[in-house]
N, C-alpha and C. Protein backbone atom coordinates (compact mmCIF):
# COMPACT_ATOMS: atom_id res chain seq x y z
N MET A 1 165.48 59.70 18.78
CA MET A 1 165.76 60.99 18.11
C MET A 1 166.10 62.09 19.18
N ASN A 2 167.27 62.79 18.84
CA ASN A 2 167.63 63.84 19.89
C ASN A 2 166.85 65.02 19.61
N LYS A 3 167.08 65.95 20.60
CA LYS A 3 166.26 67.31 20.53
C LYS A 3 166.60 68.20 19.21
N TYR A 4 167.72 68.01 18.73
CA TYR A 4 168.02 68.84 17.43
C TYR A 4 167.36 68.09 16.25
N ASP A 5 167.36 66.84 16.27
CA ASP A 5 166.62 66.08 15.12
C ASP A 5 165.12 66.37 15.16
N GLU A 6 164.55 66.33 16.48
CA GLU A 6 163.13 66.70 16.72
C GLU A 6 162.85 68.11 16.14
N ALA A 7 163.76 68.99 16.41
CA ALA A 7 163.50 70.45 16.04
C ALA A 7 163.56 70.48 14.52
N MET A 8 164.40 69.93 13.90
CA MET A 8 164.59 69.93 12.44
C MET A 8 163.34 69.31 11.84
N LYS A 9 162.87 68.23 12.44
CA LYS A 9 161.67 67.50 11.89
C LYS A 9 160.50 68.49 11.99
N LEU A 10 160.34 69.13 13.09
CA LEU A 10 159.24 70.00 13.32
C LEU A 10 159.28 71.24 12.32
N LEU A 11 160.59 71.81 12.10
CA LEU A 11 160.62 72.81 11.11
C LEU A 11 160.25 72.40 9.84
N ASP A 12 160.60 71.19 9.50
CA ASP A 12 160.22 70.63 8.08
C ASP A 12 158.74 70.51 8.09
N GLU A 13 158.14 70.04 9.04
CA GLU A 13 156.62 69.85 9.08
C GLU A 13 155.94 71.17 9.05
N LYS A 14 156.40 72.13 9.72
CA LYS A 14 155.66 73.47 9.80
C LYS A 14 156.02 74.28 8.51
N PHE A 15 157.18 74.23 8.07
CA PHE A 15 157.55 75.26 7.06
C PHE A 15 158.02 74.67 5.72
N GLY A 16 158.34 73.30 5.75
CA GLY A 16 158.98 72.73 4.54
C GLY A 16 158.02 72.36 3.45
N HIS A 17 158.65 72.61 2.18
CA HIS A 17 157.98 72.33 1.01
C HIS A 17 156.61 73.01 0.62
N LYS A 18 156.53 74.25 1.24
CA LYS A 18 155.39 74.96 0.88
C LYS A 18 155.71 76.56 0.89
N ASP A 19 154.80 77.31 0.26
CA ASP A 19 154.94 78.78 0.28
C ASP A 19 154.62 79.27 1.63
N GLY A 20 155.53 80.09 2.32
CA GLY A 20 155.24 80.64 3.60
C GLY A 20 155.77 82.07 3.59
N LEU A 21 155.12 82.83 4.38
CA LEU A 21 155.38 84.28 4.50
C LEU A 21 156.29 84.33 5.87
N ILE A 22 157.47 84.94 5.63
CA ILE A 22 158.36 85.18 6.94
C ILE A 22 158.63 86.70 6.85
N SER A 23 158.83 87.22 8.00
CA SER A 23 159.55 88.50 8.16
C SER A 23 161.04 88.43 8.11
N LEU A 24 161.68 89.14 7.16
CA LEU A 24 163.14 89.14 6.86
C LEU A 24 163.64 90.48 7.38
N SER A 25 164.55 90.51 8.36
CA SER A 25 165.19 91.75 8.79
C SER A 25 166.63 91.82 8.42
N THR A 26 167.00 92.90 7.88
CA THR A 26 168.41 93.23 7.61
C THR A 26 168.84 94.57 8.26
N ILE A 27 170.09 94.89 8.09
CA ILE A 27 170.65 96.14 8.64
C ILE A 27 170.76 97.14 7.47
N ALA A 28 170.31 98.44 7.57
CA ALA A 28 170.29 99.46 6.64
C ALA A 28 171.88 99.66 6.42
N ARG A 29 172.00 100.12 5.09
CA ARG A 29 173.34 100.35 4.67
C ARG A 29 173.90 101.71 5.19
N PHE A 30 173.13 102.65 5.46
CA PHE A 30 173.52 103.97 5.88
C PHE A 30 172.95 104.35 7.18
N PRO A 31 173.94 104.92 8.03
CA PRO A 31 173.42 105.34 9.51
C PRO A 31 172.45 106.33 9.47
N ASN A 32 171.75 106.44 10.63
CA ASN A 32 170.82 107.48 10.84
C ASN A 32 171.58 108.72 11.35
N ALA A 33 170.92 109.74 11.77
CA ALA A 33 171.41 111.02 12.27
C ALA A 33 172.51 110.84 13.39
N GLU A 34 172.14 109.81 14.19
CA GLU A 34 172.98 109.56 15.37
C GLU A 34 174.17 108.65 15.09
N GLY A 35 174.30 108.09 13.78
CA GLY A 35 175.36 107.29 13.37
C GLY A 35 175.07 105.83 13.58
N ASN A 36 173.78 105.45 13.91
CA ASN A 36 173.54 104.09 14.04
C ASN A 36 172.78 103.59 12.85
N ASN A 37 173.15 102.33 12.45
CA ASN A 37 172.47 101.59 11.28
C ASN A 37 171.24 101.03 11.88
N LEU A 38 170.12 101.29 11.16
CA LEU A 38 168.73 100.85 11.51
C LEU A 38 168.48 99.51 10.92
N PRO A 39 167.56 98.78 11.70
CA PRO A 39 167.05 97.53 11.10
C PRO A 39 166.05 97.80 9.96
N ALA A 40 165.90 97.00 9.04
CA ALA A 40 164.86 97.00 8.04
C ALA A 40 164.23 95.72 7.89
N ALA A 41 162.84 95.74 8.01
CA ALA A 41 162.08 94.52 7.91
C ALA A 41 161.06 94.44 6.76
N ARG A 42 160.84 93.39 6.24
CA ARG A 42 159.86 93.19 5.19
C ARG A 42 159.34 91.72 5.23
N ILE A 43 158.15 91.55 4.62
CA ILE A 43 157.66 90.21 4.50
C ILE A 43 158.00 89.58 3.11
N VAL A 44 158.47 88.37 3.11
CA VAL A 44 158.81 87.76 1.84
C VAL A 44 158.21 86.47 1.82
N ASN A 45 157.97 85.90 0.61
CA ASN A 45 157.55 84.44 0.46
C ASN A 45 158.78 83.69 0.55
N ALA A 46 158.80 82.52 1.27
CA ALA A 46 159.94 81.76 1.41
C ALA A 46 159.60 80.19 1.39
N PHE A 47 160.57 79.43 1.01
CA PHE A 47 160.49 78.06 0.95
C PHE A 47 161.66 77.52 2.01
N TYR A 48 161.29 76.64 2.76
CA TYR A 48 162.19 76.10 3.74
C TYR A 48 162.70 74.70 3.46
N GLU A 49 164.01 74.49 3.73
CA GLU A 49 164.58 73.10 3.48
C GLU A 49 165.91 73.14 4.10
N ASN A 50 166.07 72.08 5.08
CA ASN A 50 167.35 71.73 5.62
C ASN A 50 168.05 72.79 6.32
N GLY A 51 167.28 73.59 7.20
CA GLY A 51 167.95 74.65 7.98
C GLY A 51 168.09 75.98 7.29
N ALA A 52 167.48 76.16 6.09
CA ALA A 52 167.55 77.41 5.27
C ALA A 52 166.30 77.81 4.73
N PHE A 53 166.04 79.03 4.63
CA PHE A 53 164.78 79.66 3.92
C PHE A 53 165.50 80.13 2.60
N TYR A 54 164.61 80.00 1.59
CA TYR A 54 164.93 80.48 0.17
C TYR A 54 163.87 81.43 -0.34
N THR A 55 164.33 82.51 -0.98
CA THR A 55 163.28 83.42 -1.62
C THR A 55 163.83 83.82 -2.83
N VAL A 56 163.02 84.19 -3.82
CA VAL A 56 163.44 84.83 -5.03
C VAL A 56 163.29 86.35 -4.97
N THR A 57 164.22 87.07 -5.37
CA THR A 57 164.21 88.49 -5.22
C THR A 57 164.98 89.08 -6.31
N TYR A 58 165.39 90.39 -6.23
CA TYR A 58 166.13 91.12 -7.18
C TYR A 58 167.42 91.51 -6.65
N ALA A 59 168.44 91.30 -7.37
CA ALA A 59 169.89 91.44 -6.91
C ALA A 59 170.07 92.97 -6.50
N THR A 60 169.41 93.95 -7.11
CA THR A 60 169.67 95.46 -6.78
C THR A 60 168.63 95.91 -5.78
N SER A 61 167.85 95.00 -5.14
CA SER A 61 166.82 95.50 -4.20
C SER A 61 167.46 95.97 -2.95
N ASN A 62 166.84 96.77 -2.13
CA ASN A 62 167.54 97.29 -0.87
C ASN A 62 167.98 96.01 0.09
N LYS A 63 167.10 95.11 0.09
CA LYS A 63 167.47 93.91 0.93
C LYS A 63 168.75 93.27 0.45
N MET A 64 169.01 93.04 -0.80
CA MET A 64 170.13 92.44 -1.28
C MET A 64 171.41 93.34 -1.22
N ARG A 65 171.30 94.65 -1.30
CA ARG A 65 172.29 95.52 -1.06
C ARG A 65 172.72 95.56 0.33
N GLN A 66 171.64 95.54 1.21
CA GLN A 66 172.05 95.49 2.71
C GLN A 66 172.69 94.14 3.06
N ILE A 67 172.29 93.01 2.54
CA ILE A 67 172.92 91.70 2.81
C ILE A 67 174.29 91.67 2.31
N ALA A 68 174.55 92.39 1.15
CA ALA A 68 175.81 92.29 0.54
C ALA A 68 176.88 93.03 1.51
N GLN A 69 176.36 94.09 2.06
CA GLN A 69 177.13 94.82 3.06
C GLN A 69 177.32 94.19 4.45
N ASN A 70 176.18 93.51 4.92
CA ASN A 70 176.17 92.79 6.17
C ASN A 70 175.21 91.60 6.05
N PRO A 71 175.81 90.40 5.87
CA PRO A 71 174.91 89.21 5.70
C PRO A 71 174.07 88.73 6.87
N GLU A 72 174.29 89.31 8.05
CA GLU A 72 173.69 88.95 9.22
C GLU A 72 172.11 89.31 9.11
N VAL A 73 171.31 88.42 9.11
CA VAL A 73 169.79 88.66 9.03
C VAL A 73 168.95 88.03 10.21
N ALA A 74 167.76 88.42 10.25
CA ALA A 74 166.85 87.73 11.21
C ALA A 74 165.62 87.39 10.50
N VAL A 75 164.87 86.35 10.98
CA VAL A 75 163.56 85.93 10.43
C VAL A 75 162.60 85.71 11.63
N CYS A 76 161.42 85.96 11.27
CA CYS A 76 160.27 85.75 12.25
C CYS A 76 159.14 85.19 11.59
N ILE A 77 158.46 84.14 12.21
CA ILE A 77 157.21 83.71 11.75
C ILE A 77 156.33 83.75 12.97
N ILE A 78 155.51 84.75 12.96
CA ILE A 78 154.82 85.04 14.25
C ILE A 78 153.76 84.07 14.61
N VAL A 79 153.03 83.50 13.64
CA VAL A 79 151.97 82.61 13.96
C VAL A 79 152.57 81.33 14.55
N GLU A 80 153.78 80.95 14.31
CA GLU A 80 154.54 79.66 14.91
C GLU A 80 155.33 80.03 16.03
N SER A 81 155.52 81.37 16.28
CA SER A 81 156.37 81.83 17.49
C SER A 81 157.70 81.25 17.17
N PHE A 82 158.26 81.47 15.93
CA PHE A 82 159.63 81.00 15.63
C PHE A 82 160.41 82.30 15.12
N THR A 83 161.58 82.41 15.80
CA THR A 83 162.54 83.43 15.45
C THR A 83 163.92 82.82 15.20
N ALA A 84 164.68 83.58 14.35
CA ALA A 84 165.93 82.97 14.11
C ALA A 84 166.91 83.98 13.40
N ASN A 85 168.09 83.84 13.65
CA ASN A 85 169.22 84.53 13.00
C ASN A 85 169.84 83.70 11.93
N GLY A 86 170.38 84.35 10.98
CA GLY A 86 171.00 83.60 9.91
C GLY A 86 171.98 84.47 9.06
N ILE A 87 172.43 83.75 8.04
CA ILE A 87 173.40 84.48 7.07
C ILE A 87 172.67 84.37 5.76
N GLY A 88 172.50 85.63 5.22
CA GLY A 88 171.96 85.74 3.77
C GLY A 88 172.99 85.65 2.82
N GLU A 89 172.63 85.02 1.65
CA GLU A 89 173.63 84.78 0.63
C GLU A 89 172.89 84.82 -0.75
N ASN A 90 173.40 85.61 -1.60
CA ASN A 90 172.92 85.60 -2.85
C ASN A 90 173.46 84.61 -3.66
N LEU A 91 172.60 83.66 -4.09
CA LEU A 91 173.05 82.40 -4.85
C LEU A 91 173.14 82.59 -6.26
N GLY A 92 172.78 83.89 -6.75
CA GLY A 92 172.85 84.26 -8.22
C GLY A 92 171.57 84.00 -9.00
N TRP A 93 171.60 84.28 -10.18
CA TRP A 93 170.52 84.17 -11.14
C TRP A 93 169.76 82.87 -10.89
N VAL A 94 168.37 83.01 -10.87
CA VAL A 94 167.64 81.89 -10.67
C VAL A 94 167.76 80.84 -11.84
N CYS A 95 168.23 81.23 -13.02
CA CYS A 95 168.29 80.23 -14.16
C CYS A 95 169.71 79.84 -14.28
N ASP A 96 170.65 80.08 -13.26
CA ASP A 96 171.94 79.52 -13.36
C ASP A 96 171.87 78.02 -13.11
N GLU A 97 172.67 77.20 -13.86
CA GLU A 97 172.67 75.84 -13.75
C GLU A 97 172.82 75.36 -12.33
N LYS A 98 173.61 76.10 -11.53
CA LYS A 98 173.86 75.57 -10.15
C LYS A 98 172.64 75.73 -9.21
N ASN A 99 171.54 76.53 -9.67
CA ASN A 99 170.45 76.69 -8.94
C ASN A 99 169.23 75.92 -9.43
N ALA A 100 169.48 75.11 -10.56
CA ALA A 100 168.30 74.37 -11.19
C ALA A 100 167.64 73.48 -10.24
N GLU A 101 168.39 72.76 -9.37
CA GLU A 101 167.63 71.68 -8.51
C GLU A 101 166.70 72.48 -7.53
N LEU A 102 167.22 73.48 -6.87
CA LEU A 102 166.37 74.22 -5.95
C LEU A 102 165.18 74.96 -6.66
N MET A 103 165.48 75.57 -7.81
CA MET A 103 164.49 76.18 -8.49
C MET A 103 163.35 75.19 -8.99
N ALA A 104 163.61 74.01 -9.40
CA ALA A 104 162.77 72.89 -9.73
C ALA A 104 161.77 72.68 -8.51
N LYS A 105 162.12 72.89 -7.27
CA LYS A 105 161.31 72.81 -6.15
C LYS A 105 160.54 74.01 -5.93
N ILE A 106 161.20 75.13 -5.96
CA ILE A 106 160.65 76.39 -5.60
C ILE A 106 159.52 76.87 -6.70
N ARG A 107 159.79 76.83 -7.98
CA ARG A 107 158.83 77.30 -8.87
C ARG A 107 157.45 76.65 -8.70
N PRO A 108 157.34 75.43 -8.55
CA PRO A 108 155.95 74.77 -8.44
C PRO A 108 155.24 75.32 -7.18
N ILE A 109 156.08 75.54 -6.13
CA ILE A 109 155.50 75.95 -4.77
C ILE A 109 154.99 77.43 -4.96
N PHE A 110 155.77 78.29 -5.63
CA PHE A 110 155.38 79.55 -5.80
C PHE A 110 154.54 79.89 -7.10
N ALA A 111 154.11 78.74 -7.82
CA ALA A 111 153.43 78.92 -9.10
C ALA A 111 152.28 79.90 -9.24
N GLU A 112 151.58 79.96 -8.17
CA GLU A 112 150.35 80.77 -8.25
C GLU A 112 150.59 82.31 -8.59
N TRP A 113 151.87 82.73 -8.13
CA TRP A 113 152.13 84.15 -8.31
C TRP A 113 153.56 84.38 -8.88
N TYR A 114 154.36 83.27 -9.03
CA TYR A 114 155.74 83.56 -9.43
C TYR A 114 156.02 84.39 -10.72
N ASP A 115 155.28 84.01 -11.85
CA ASP A 115 155.53 84.66 -13.00
C ASP A 115 155.06 86.06 -13.08
N GLU A 116 154.09 86.50 -12.23
CA GLU A 116 153.61 87.81 -12.19
C GLU A 116 154.72 88.77 -11.22
N ALA A 117 155.44 88.10 -10.44
CA ALA A 117 156.41 88.85 -9.60
C ALA A 117 157.78 88.87 -10.07
N ASN A 118 158.13 87.78 -10.96
CA ASN A 118 159.56 87.65 -11.23
C ASN A 118 159.70 87.55 -12.82
N ASN A 119 160.95 88.01 -13.22
CA ASN A 119 161.28 87.85 -14.72
C ASN A 119 162.56 86.99 -14.71
N ASP A 120 162.38 85.72 -14.95
CA ASP A 120 163.55 84.83 -15.06
C ASP A 120 164.57 85.21 -16.16
N LYS A 121 164.09 86.03 -17.14
CA LYS A 121 165.09 86.38 -18.24
C LYS A 121 165.97 87.43 -17.78
N ASP A 122 165.73 88.11 -16.73
CA ASP A 122 166.55 89.13 -16.11
C ASP A 122 167.62 88.57 -15.27
N PRO A 123 168.87 88.65 -15.54
CA PRO A 123 169.92 88.07 -14.73
C PRO A 123 169.97 88.53 -13.27
N ASN A 124 169.25 89.66 -12.99
CA ASN A 124 169.20 90.16 -11.54
C ASN A 124 168.21 89.43 -10.79
N THR A 125 167.32 88.64 -11.39
CA THR A 125 166.31 87.88 -10.57
C THR A 125 167.14 86.71 -9.93
N CYS A 126 167.31 86.75 -8.68
CA CYS A 126 168.10 85.92 -7.99
C CYS A 126 167.45 85.18 -6.80
N LEU A 127 168.28 84.25 -6.48
CA LEU A 127 167.95 83.35 -5.31
C LEU A 127 168.69 83.63 -4.12
N LEU A 128 167.89 83.96 -2.98
CA LEU A 128 168.47 84.27 -1.82
C LEU A 128 168.35 83.09 -0.84
N ARG A 129 169.43 82.67 -0.23
CA ARG A 129 169.42 81.68 0.81
C ARG A 129 169.60 82.38 2.19
N ILE A 130 168.81 81.95 3.16
CA ILE A 130 169.04 82.46 4.48
C ILE A 130 169.36 81.24 5.36
N GLN A 131 170.63 81.01 5.56
CA GLN A 131 171.15 79.88 6.34
C GLN A 131 170.98 80.16 7.64
N LEU A 132 170.10 79.49 8.46
CA LEU A 132 169.92 79.69 9.79
C LEU A 132 171.05 79.41 10.66
N THR A 133 171.29 80.11 11.73
CA THR A 133 172.48 79.91 12.65
C THR A 133 171.97 79.51 14.09
N LYS A 134 170.99 80.50 14.49
CA LYS A 134 170.38 80.05 15.90
C LYS A 134 168.90 80.43 15.72
N GLY A 135 168.10 79.65 16.50
CA GLY A 135 166.59 79.91 16.40
C GLY A 135 166.00 79.59 17.76
N VAL A 136 164.71 80.13 17.87
CA VAL A 136 164.03 79.87 19.06
C VAL A 136 162.46 79.69 18.76
N TRP A 137 162.05 78.52 19.30
CA TRP A 137 160.58 78.37 19.40
C TRP A 137 160.08 78.87 20.67
N ASN A 138 159.31 79.87 20.78
CA ASN A 138 158.88 80.55 22.07
C ASN A 138 157.39 80.64 22.12
N ASP A 139 156.79 79.97 23.02
CA ASP A 139 155.39 80.13 23.13
C ASP A 139 155.16 80.38 24.75
N ALA A 140 155.26 81.63 25.08
CA ALA A 140 155.06 81.95 26.52
C ALA A 140 153.70 81.47 27.15
N HIS A 141 152.65 81.38 26.37
CA HIS A 141 151.40 80.98 26.83
C HIS A 141 151.35 79.58 27.17
N LYS A 142 152.20 78.76 26.51
CA LYS A 142 152.35 77.21 26.78
C LYS A 142 153.50 76.92 27.61
N GLY A 143 154.32 77.94 27.92
CA GLY A 143 155.58 77.68 28.69
C GLY A 143 156.61 76.92 27.93
N ILE A 144 156.68 77.17 26.57
CA ILE A 144 157.66 76.49 25.81
C ILE A 144 158.71 77.46 25.32
N ARG A 145 160.04 77.08 25.42
CA ARG A 145 161.12 77.73 24.81
C ARG A 145 162.06 76.78 24.45
N ASN A 146 162.32 76.56 23.25
CA ASN A 146 163.40 75.65 22.64
C ASN A 146 164.22 76.40 21.75
N GLU A 147 165.55 76.32 22.24
CA GLU A 147 166.58 77.04 21.42
C GLU A 147 167.28 75.99 20.56
N ILE A 148 167.56 76.49 19.28
CA ILE A 148 168.22 75.48 18.30
C ILE A 148 169.50 76.23 17.77
N ASP A 149 170.55 75.44 17.87
CA ASP A 149 171.84 76.04 17.36
C ASP A 149 172.10 75.08 15.93
N PHE A 150 171.81 75.78 14.82
CA PHE A 150 171.93 75.13 13.61
C PHE A 150 173.46 74.81 13.15
N VAL A 151 174.32 75.70 13.86
CA VAL A 151 175.79 75.51 13.42
C VAL A 151 176.28 74.27 14.13
N ASN A 152 175.99 74.16 15.48
CA ASN A 152 176.63 73.10 16.32
C ASN A 152 175.58 71.95 16.35
N LYS A 153 174.48 72.10 15.71
CA LYS A 153 173.38 70.97 15.61
C LYS A 153 173.05 70.50 16.97
N THR A 154 172.60 71.50 17.72
CA THR A 154 172.07 71.10 19.07
C THR A 154 170.77 71.85 19.39
N ALA A 155 169.95 71.38 20.24
CA ALA A 155 168.69 72.08 20.79
C ALA A 155 168.51 71.66 22.19
């Protein structure tokens, strides 16, 4: 098994097929007084599979408006010392037939809180995919730094 395959296996073991909290950062849509767009971070529940995180959100939320304007995002999982960049994409309404397979995995994993936080009847309840592009496992205390290139499939 090569280093990339090992990294993908570790990602799946650590984050796959369960509800996890990640920090999701986007870029604000409007510049500050100096003309710079500011980062915006929030914690979201996410499901990981095959190099992407998925979360259910609302199409008109700030994060989705920011992603529509600039799809470059960053994620962080502090406990695991994992950070990554990726591309955010609105996959559309959670009840759209094209999302049925993913939602069949996600709903049971998020079951404890899903219905309280989401309204599947509302077509703005959407599925966000964060397709990872580059990531880093970094544990300075253990002297570990592993870089992962999800696009070129190298580590």
